[in-house]
Protein backbone atom coordinates (compact mmCIF):
# COMPACT_ATOMS: atom_id res chain seq x y z
CA GLN A 1 -20.53 -20.81 -0.65
CA ALA A 2 -19.18 -17.48 -1.78
CA GLN A 3 -17.57 -17.71 -5.18
CA LEU A 4 -16.16 -15.38 -7.80
CA ALA A 5 -15.51 -16.34 -11.39
CA GLU A 6 -13.72 -14.30 -14.05
CA SER A 7 -14.35 -14.45 -17.76
CA GLY A 8 -13.47 -12.50 -20.87
CA GLY A 9 -9.73 -12.93 -21.05
CA GLY A 10 -7.92 -13.81 -24.22
CA LEU A 11 -5.42 -12.70 -26.82
CA VAL A 12 -5.61 -9.16 -28.12
CA GLN A 13 -3.35 -6.94 -30.20
CA PRO A 14 -1.71 -3.85 -28.74
CA GLY A 15 -4.15 -0.97 -28.74
CA GLY A 16 -7.11 -3.30 -28.56
CA SER A 17 -9.76 -3.71 -25.90
CA LEU A 18 -11.13 -6.41 -23.66
CA ARG A 19 -13.95 -6.46 -21.17
CA LEU A 20 -13.52 -8.78 -18.21
CA ALA A 21 -16.46 -9.90 -16.13
CA CYS A 22 -16.59 -11.33 -12.64
CA SER A 23 -19.75 -13.08 -11.59
CA ALA A 24 -20.44 -13.49 -7.89
CA SER A 25 -22.50 -16.04 -6.03
CA GLY A 26 -23.08 -16.39 -2.32
CA LEU A 27 -22.34 -12.73 -1.67
CA ARG A 28 -23.65 -9.38 -2.77
CA LEU A 29 -20.85 -7.36 -4.30
CA ILE A 30 -22.54 -4.13 -3.25
CA ASP A 31 -21.74 -5.07 0.36
CA TYR A 32 -18.04 -5.52 -0.35
CA ALA A 33 -15.02 -3.65 -1.46
CA ILE A 34 -14.23 -5.06 -4.89
CA GLY A 35 -11.11 -5.08 -6.96
CA TRP A 36 -9.28 -6.28 -9.99
CA PHE A 37 -5.73 -7.53 -9.60
CA ARG A 38 -3.18 -8.94 -11.96
CA GLN A 39 -0.08 -11.03 -11.71
CA ALA A 40 2.58 -11.33 -14.36
CA PRO A 41 5.27 -14.03 -14.30
CA GLY A 42 7.88 -13.25 -11.68
CA LYS A 43 5.86 -10.43 -10.17
CA GLY A 44 3.56 -10.05 -7.21
CA ARG A 45 -0.17 -9.61 -7.35
CA GLU A 46 -0.90 -6.00 -8.22
CA GLY A 47 -4.07 -4.08 -7.46
CA ILE A 48 -5.08 -2.21 -10.59
CA ALA A 49 -8.68 -1.09 -10.11
CA CYS A 50 -10.67 -1.17 -6.87
CA ILE A 51 -13.81 0.28 -5.32
CA SER A 52 -14.16 0.71 -1.59
CA ASN A 53 -17.11 -0.33 0.55
CA SER A 54 -20.17 1.77 -0.20
CA GLU A 55 -18.39 2.90 -3.38
CA GLU A 56 -16.90 5.86 -1.55
CA THR A 57 -13.61 5.79 -3.41
CA THR A 58 -12.14 4.27 -6.54
CA TYR A 59 -8.50 3.39 -6.98
CA TYR A 60 -6.59 2.91 -10.20
CA ALA A 61 -2.97 1.99 -10.48
CA ASP A 62 -0.95 4.59 -12.33
CA SER A 63 -0.09 2.01 -14.95
CA VAL A 64 -3.74 1.65 -16.03
CA LYS A 65 -5.23 5.02 -15.15
CA GLY A 66 -7.14 6.47 -18.07
CA ARG A 67 -7.24 3.13 -19.88
CA PHE A 68 -9.10 0.77 -17.53
CA THR A 69 -12.49 1.25 -15.91
CA ILE A 70 -13.95 -0.77 -13.06
CA SER A 71 -17.70 -1.01 -12.69
CA HIS A 72 -20.37 -2.96 -10.89
CA ASP A 73 -23.81 -3.99 -12.11
CA GLN A 74 -25.92 -4.52 -9.03
CA SER A 75 -28.79 -6.07 -10.97
CA THR A 76 -26.63 -9.00 -12.06
CA ASN A 77 -24.19 -8.99 -9.13
CA THR A 78 -21.33 -8.74 -11.58
CA MET A 79 -18.24 -6.59 -11.69
CA TYR A 80 -16.44 -5.60 -14.85
CA LEU A 81 -13.10 -4.32 -15.98
CA GLN A 82 -13.14 -2.48 -19.28
CA MET A 83 -9.63 -2.42 -20.69
CA ASP A 84 -8.83 -0.09 -23.56
CA GLY A 85 -5.57 0.82 -25.21
CA LEU A 86 -4.00 -2.44 -24.13
CA LYS A 87 -0.23 -2.71 -24.05
CA PRO A 88 2.06 -5.75 -24.04
CA GLU A 89 2.96 -4.97 -20.43
CA ASP A 90 -0.68 -5.55 -19.50
CA THR A 91 -0.15 -9.25 -20.15
CA ALA A 92 -0.95 -11.10 -16.93
CA VAL A 93 -3.45 -13.29 -15.18
CA TYR A 94 -6.28 -11.08 -14.00
CA TYR A 95 -8.19 -11.79 -10.81
CA CYS A 96 -11.30 -10.32 -9.29
CA ALA A 97 -11.67 -10.13 -5.54
CA ALA A 98 -14.04 -9.00 -2.81
CA ALA A 99 -13.43 -7.82 0.75
CA LEU A 100 -16.07 -7.49 3.42
CA GLU A 101 -13.91 -4.95 5.22
CA VAL A 102 -10.80 -3.09 4.21
CA THR A 103 -8.40 -1.11 6.31
CA TYR A 104 -9.02 2.61 6.53
CA SER A 105 -5.96 4.45 7.76
CA GLY A 106 -4.32 7.76 7.12
CA GLY A 107 -7.40 9.04 5.34
CA ARG A 108 -7.64 6.30 2.74
CA TYR A 109 -8.87 2.78 2.17
CA TYR A 110 -6.29 0.14 1.41
CA THR A 111 -8.34 -1.36 -1.37
CA GLN A 112 -5.30 -1.94 -3.57
CA ASN A 113 -3.73 -4.29 -1.03
CA PRO A 114 -4.47 -7.91 -1.99
CA ASN A 115 -4.09 -8.97 1.65
CA GLU A 116 -7.33 -7.13 2.42
CA TYR A 117 -9.44 -9.43 0.28
CA ASP A 118 -11.41 -12.44 1.42
CA TYR A 119 -12.67 -13.96 -1.82
CA TRP A 120 -10.88 -14.50 -5.10
CA GLY A 121 -11.65 -15.82 -8.52
CA GLN A 122 -9.35 -18.30 -10.19
CA GLY A 123 -8.06 -15.83 -12.74
CA THR A 124 -8.31 -15.27 -16.46
CA GLN A 125 -5.36 -14.89 -18.80
CA VAL A 126 -4.96 -11.67 -20.76
CA THR A 127 -2.26 -11.66 -23.42
CA VAL A 128 -1.46 -8.54 -25.41
CA SER A 129 0.72 -9.33 -28.38
CA SER A 130 1.02 -8.62 -32.07
């Protein structure tokens, strides 16, 4: 029974920080590509921070590069998303996900593609507002 569960969302002022956590059960995250995605009202699910299988590559969306950091704690089988310098446009439901295999084509892994992922958490709301 593989499951992912996000926590740590909430309301924060612009410029503030949040740390999201994703606990995993029934699977070892180290064996998977992992990623954080978000979905704002009226928009599709967007890959924002992902790590490929074997942690060969890390992807960040341009919109969050330099502000967000994805990490994985193997000892607790938990992934994290550290979010700094939050902006109102970061407001969305944030999801964690894991993929046993991701497509490798054209010299890159398609870790940012939500269709590659097998397991998803239920999401946690992040609202950035003054």
